[in-house]
N, C-alpha and C. Protein backbone atom coordinates (compact mmCIF):
# COMPACT_ATOMS: atom_id res chain seq x y z
N UNK A 1 212.15 305.57 -76.78
CA UNK A 1 211.90 304.32 -76.12
C UNK A 1 212.27 304.42 -74.64
N UNK A 2 213.29 305.13 -74.29
CA UNK A 2 213.74 305.34 -72.92
C UNK A 2 213.97 304.06 -72.13
N UNK A 3 214.65 303.13 -72.76
CA UNK A 3 215.04 301.89 -72.08
C UNK A 3 216.17 302.23 -71.09
N UNK A 4 216.18 301.63 -69.90
CA UNK A 4 217.27 301.93 -68.96
C UNK A 4 218.61 301.44 -69.50
N UNK A 5 219.67 302.07 -69.03
CA UNK A 5 221.00 301.61 -69.40
C UNK A 5 221.20 300.19 -68.89
N UNK A 6 221.97 299.40 -69.65
CA UNK A 6 222.33 298.06 -69.19
C UNK A 6 223.70 298.13 -68.54
N UNK A 7 223.74 297.85 -67.25
CA UNK A 7 225.00 297.83 -66.52
C UNK A 7 225.84 296.65 -67.02
N UNK A 8 227.12 296.93 -67.34
CA UNK A 8 228.02 295.88 -67.81
C UNK A 8 229.04 295.52 -66.74
N UNK A 9 229.66 296.50 -66.12
CA UNK A 9 230.64 296.18 -65.08
C UNK A 9 231.29 297.42 -64.51
N UNK A 10 231.94 297.21 -63.37
CA UNK A 10 232.65 298.27 -62.67
C UNK A 10 234.07 297.78 -62.41
N UNK A 11 235.00 298.70 -62.30
CA UNK A 11 236.39 298.35 -62.00
C UNK A 11 236.42 297.49 -60.74
N UNK A 12 236.92 296.27 -60.84
CA UNK A 12 236.91 295.39 -59.68
C UNK A 12 237.84 295.82 -58.56
N UNK A 13 238.72 296.76 -58.81
CA UNK A 13 239.68 297.19 -57.79
C UNK A 13 239.30 298.52 -57.14
N UNK A 14 238.03 298.91 -57.22
CA UNK A 14 237.64 300.19 -56.63
C UNK A 14 236.72 299.95 -55.44
N UNK A 15 236.63 301.00 -54.60
CA UNK A 15 235.71 300.93 -53.48
C UNK A 15 234.36 301.50 -53.91
N UNK A 16 233.51 301.82 -52.96
CA UNK A 16 232.16 302.28 -53.31
C UNK A 16 232.09 303.76 -53.68
N UNK A 17 233.24 304.45 -53.72
CA UNK A 17 233.26 305.85 -54.14
C UNK A 17 233.95 306.05 -55.48
N UNK A 18 235.07 305.38 -55.69
CA UNK A 18 235.78 305.45 -56.97
C UNK A 18 235.24 304.32 -57.82
N UNK A 19 234.64 304.67 -58.93
CA UNK A 19 233.94 303.58 -59.63
C UNK A 19 233.89 303.75 -61.15
N UNK A 20 235.02 303.61 -61.85
CA UNK A 20 234.92 303.56 -63.30
C UNK A 20 233.93 302.44 -63.68
N UNK A 21 232.96 302.79 -64.49
CA UNK A 21 231.84 301.88 -64.78
C UNK A 21 231.51 301.92 -66.25
N UNK A 22 230.95 300.82 -66.77
CA UNK A 22 230.58 300.72 -68.18
C UNK A 22 229.12 300.27 -68.28
N UNK A 23 228.36 300.92 -69.16
CA UNK A 23 226.98 300.57 -69.46
C UNK A 23 226.80 300.53 -70.97
N UNK A 24 225.70 299.96 -71.43
CA UNK A 24 225.30 300.05 -72.83
C UNK A 24 223.93 300.73 -72.87
N UNK A 25 223.79 301.69 -73.77
CA UNK A 25 222.52 302.38 -74.00
C UNK A 25 221.92 301.78 -75.26
N UNK A 26 220.90 300.97 -75.11
CA UNK A 26 220.28 300.31 -76.25
C UNK A 26 219.43 301.27 -77.08
N UNK A 27 219.01 302.38 -76.50
CA UNK A 27 218.25 303.37 -77.26
C UNK A 27 219.12 304.05 -78.32
N UNK A 28 220.39 304.27 -77.99
CA UNK A 28 221.29 304.99 -78.90
C UNK A 28 222.37 304.11 -79.50
N UNK A 29 222.41 302.83 -79.08
CA UNK A 29 223.48 301.91 -79.50
C UNK A 29 224.86 302.49 -79.18
N UNK A 30 225.00 302.96 -77.94
CA UNK A 30 226.27 303.54 -77.51
C UNK A 30 226.78 302.83 -76.25
N UNK A 31 228.09 302.82 -76.10
CA UNK A 31 228.73 302.35 -74.88
C UNK A 31 229.00 303.59 -74.03
N UNK A 32 228.55 303.54 -72.78
CA UNK A 32 228.70 304.66 -71.86
C UNK A 32 229.78 304.29 -70.86
N UNK A 33 230.77 305.18 -70.69
CA UNK A 33 231.90 304.90 -69.81
C UNK A 33 232.04 306.04 -68.80
N UNK A 34 232.09 305.68 -67.54
CA UNK A 34 232.43 306.62 -66.48
C UNK A 34 233.85 306.31 -66.06
N UNK A 35 234.69 307.32 -66.03
CA UNK A 35 236.09 307.08 -65.66
C UNK A 35 236.67 308.26 -64.92
N UNK A 36 237.96 308.20 -64.70
CA UNK A 36 238.65 309.27 -64.00
C UNK A 36 238.88 310.44 -64.97
N UNK A 37 238.73 311.66 -64.47
CA UNK A 37 238.99 312.83 -65.29
C UNK A 37 240.47 312.87 -65.68
N UNK A 38 240.70 313.26 -66.91
CA UNK A 38 242.07 313.42 -67.38
C UNK A 38 242.62 314.74 -66.83
N UNK A 39 243.85 314.69 -66.37
CA UNK A 39 244.51 315.91 -65.91
C UNK A 39 245.05 316.70 -67.09
N UNK A 40 245.57 317.87 -66.80
CA UNK A 40 246.07 318.74 -67.87
C UNK A 40 247.20 318.11 -68.67
N UNK A 41 248.08 317.35 -68.01
CA UNK A 41 249.19 316.73 -68.72
C UNK A 41 248.66 315.73 -69.76
N UNK A 42 247.70 314.91 -69.39
CA UNK A 42 247.14 313.95 -70.34
C UNK A 42 246.34 314.66 -71.43
N UNK A 43 245.60 315.69 -71.07
CA UNK A 43 244.85 316.45 -72.07
C UNK A 43 245.81 317.05 -73.11
N UNK A 44 246.97 317.51 -72.66
CA UNK A 44 247.96 318.05 -73.59
C UNK A 44 248.50 316.96 -74.50
N UNK A 45 248.74 315.77 -73.95
CA UNK A 45 249.20 314.65 -74.79
C UNK A 45 248.17 314.34 -75.88
N UNK A 46 246.90 314.35 -75.51
CA UNK A 46 245.84 314.10 -76.49
C UNK A 46 245.84 315.21 -77.54
N UNK A 47 245.99 316.44 -77.09
CA UNK A 47 246.03 317.58 -78.01
C UNK A 47 247.19 317.44 -78.99
N UNK A 48 248.33 316.96 -78.51
CA UNK A 48 249.53 316.85 -79.33
C UNK A 48 249.54 315.63 -80.25
N UNK A 49 248.51 314.79 -80.15
CA UNK A 49 248.46 313.57 -80.95
C UNK A 49 247.07 313.42 -81.57
N UNK A 50 246.73 314.31 -82.50
CA UNK A 50 245.38 314.26 -83.08
C UNK A 50 245.18 313.02 -83.95
N UNK A 51 243.94 312.61 -84.06
CA UNK A 51 243.59 311.51 -84.95
C UNK A 51 243.83 311.96 -86.40
N UNK A 52 244.18 311.02 -87.28
CA UNK A 52 244.38 311.40 -88.68
C UNK A 52 243.18 312.16 -89.25
N UNK A 53 243.46 313.18 -90.01
CA UNK A 53 242.46 314.00 -90.68
C UNK A 53 241.56 314.78 -89.70
N UNK A 54 242.02 314.98 -88.47
CA UNK A 54 241.26 315.74 -87.48
C UNK A 54 242.10 316.90 -86.97
N UNK A 55 241.45 317.94 -86.56
CA UNK A 55 242.12 319.09 -85.97
C UNK A 55 242.65 318.70 -84.59
N UNK A 56 243.78 319.27 -84.18
CA UNK A 56 244.25 319.01 -82.81
C UNK A 56 243.30 319.63 -81.80
N UNK A 57 243.33 319.09 -80.61
CA UNK A 57 242.51 319.64 -79.54
C UNK A 57 241.32 318.76 -79.21
N UNK A 58 240.63 319.13 -78.16
CA UNK A 58 239.46 318.40 -77.69
C UNK A 58 238.25 319.33 -77.88
N UNK A 59 237.32 318.95 -78.74
CA UNK A 59 236.15 319.81 -78.95
C UNK A 59 235.37 320.04 -77.65
N UNK A 60 234.67 321.15 -77.58
CA UNK A 60 233.90 321.51 -76.39
C UNK A 60 232.91 320.42 -75.99
N UNK A 61 232.35 319.71 -76.95
CA UNK A 61 231.33 318.70 -76.64
C UNK A 61 231.92 317.32 -76.34
N UNK A 62 233.23 317.22 -76.23
CA UNK A 62 233.91 315.96 -75.92
C UNK A 62 234.82 316.14 -74.71
N UNK A 63 235.26 315.02 -74.16
CA UNK A 63 236.20 315.09 -73.04
C UNK A 63 237.09 313.85 -73.07
N UNK A 64 238.12 313.85 -72.28
CA UNK A 64 239.05 312.74 -72.17
C UNK A 64 238.89 312.17 -70.77
N UNK A 65 238.72 310.84 -70.71
CA UNK A 65 238.65 310.17 -69.42
C UNK A 65 239.69 309.06 -69.41
N UNK A 66 240.00 308.57 -68.23
CA UNK A 66 240.92 307.45 -68.08
C UNK A 66 240.18 306.30 -67.42
N UNK A 67 240.44 305.09 -67.89
CA UNK A 67 239.94 303.91 -67.21
C UNK A 67 241.09 302.92 -67.12
N UNK A 68 241.12 302.12 -66.08
CA UNK A 68 242.22 301.17 -65.90
C UNK A 68 242.22 300.09 -66.98
N UNK A 69 243.40 299.68 -67.41
CA UNK A 69 243.52 298.62 -68.42
C UNK A 69 242.90 297.31 -67.93
N UNK A 70 242.82 297.13 -66.61
CA UNK A 70 242.21 295.90 -66.09
C UNK A 70 240.72 295.81 -66.43
N UNK A 71 240.14 296.91 -66.95
CA UNK A 71 238.73 296.90 -67.34
C UNK A 71 238.52 296.47 -68.79
N UNK A 72 239.57 296.08 -69.49
CA UNK A 72 239.45 295.65 -70.89
C UNK A 72 238.39 294.55 -71.05
N UNK A 73 238.34 293.53 -70.19
CA UNK A 73 237.30 292.51 -70.35
C UNK A 73 235.88 293.09 -70.24
N UNK A 74 235.70 294.09 -69.40
CA UNK A 74 234.40 294.73 -69.26
C UNK A 74 234.06 295.49 -70.54
N UNK A 75 235.04 296.18 -71.12
CA UNK A 75 234.80 296.89 -72.38
C UNK A 75 234.51 295.92 -73.52
N UNK A 76 235.19 294.78 -73.54
CA UNK A 76 234.91 293.77 -74.57
C UNK A 76 233.47 293.28 -74.45
N UNK A 77 233.05 293.05 -73.22
CA UNK A 77 231.67 292.61 -73.00
C UNK A 77 230.69 293.68 -73.47
N UNK A 78 230.99 294.94 -73.16
CA UNK A 78 230.12 296.03 -73.60
C UNK A 78 230.02 296.09 -75.12
N UNK A 79 231.15 295.87 -75.79
CA UNK A 79 231.14 295.85 -77.26
C UNK A 79 230.24 294.71 -77.77
N UNK A 80 230.36 293.54 -77.17
CA UNK A 80 229.52 292.42 -77.59
C UNK A 80 228.05 292.70 -77.34
N UNK A 81 227.72 293.26 -76.18
CA UNK A 81 226.32 293.58 -75.87
C UNK A 81 225.80 294.62 -76.85
N UNK A 82 226.58 295.66 -77.11
CA UNK A 82 226.14 296.73 -78.02
C UNK A 82 225.90 296.20 -79.43
N UNK A 83 226.68 295.20 -79.84
CA UNK A 83 226.53 294.63 -81.17
C UNK A 83 225.51 293.48 -81.20
N UNK A 84 224.94 293.17 -80.05
CA UNK A 84 223.98 292.08 -79.99
C UNK A 84 224.61 290.71 -80.05
N UNK A 85 225.87 290.60 -79.68
CA UNK A 85 226.60 289.33 -79.75
C UNK A 85 226.66 288.63 -78.41
N UNK A 86 225.92 289.14 -77.43
CA UNK A 86 226.01 288.59 -76.08
C UNK A 86 225.10 287.38 -75.85
N UNK A 87 224.51 286.87 -76.87
CA UNK A 87 223.69 285.68 -76.73
C UNK A 87 222.29 286.00 -76.80
């Protein structure tokens, strides 16, 4: 279908270069998040705290990003849009 991503929001405390951003992809029913790259210390914390029933580590096809907690309302909106609850 190749529908464009639906822009949901950007971190309100960033300038025009630093821009954690959230979109919804209606073709895949996924929430797309752009955030800050995780440093080695955070990657190690993730490695040391695996999800239940999962191997430790970060698979090659995945990555860890950081987004500010102030973006929680934007993520909530993205969840509602992705579930079709946005009206």
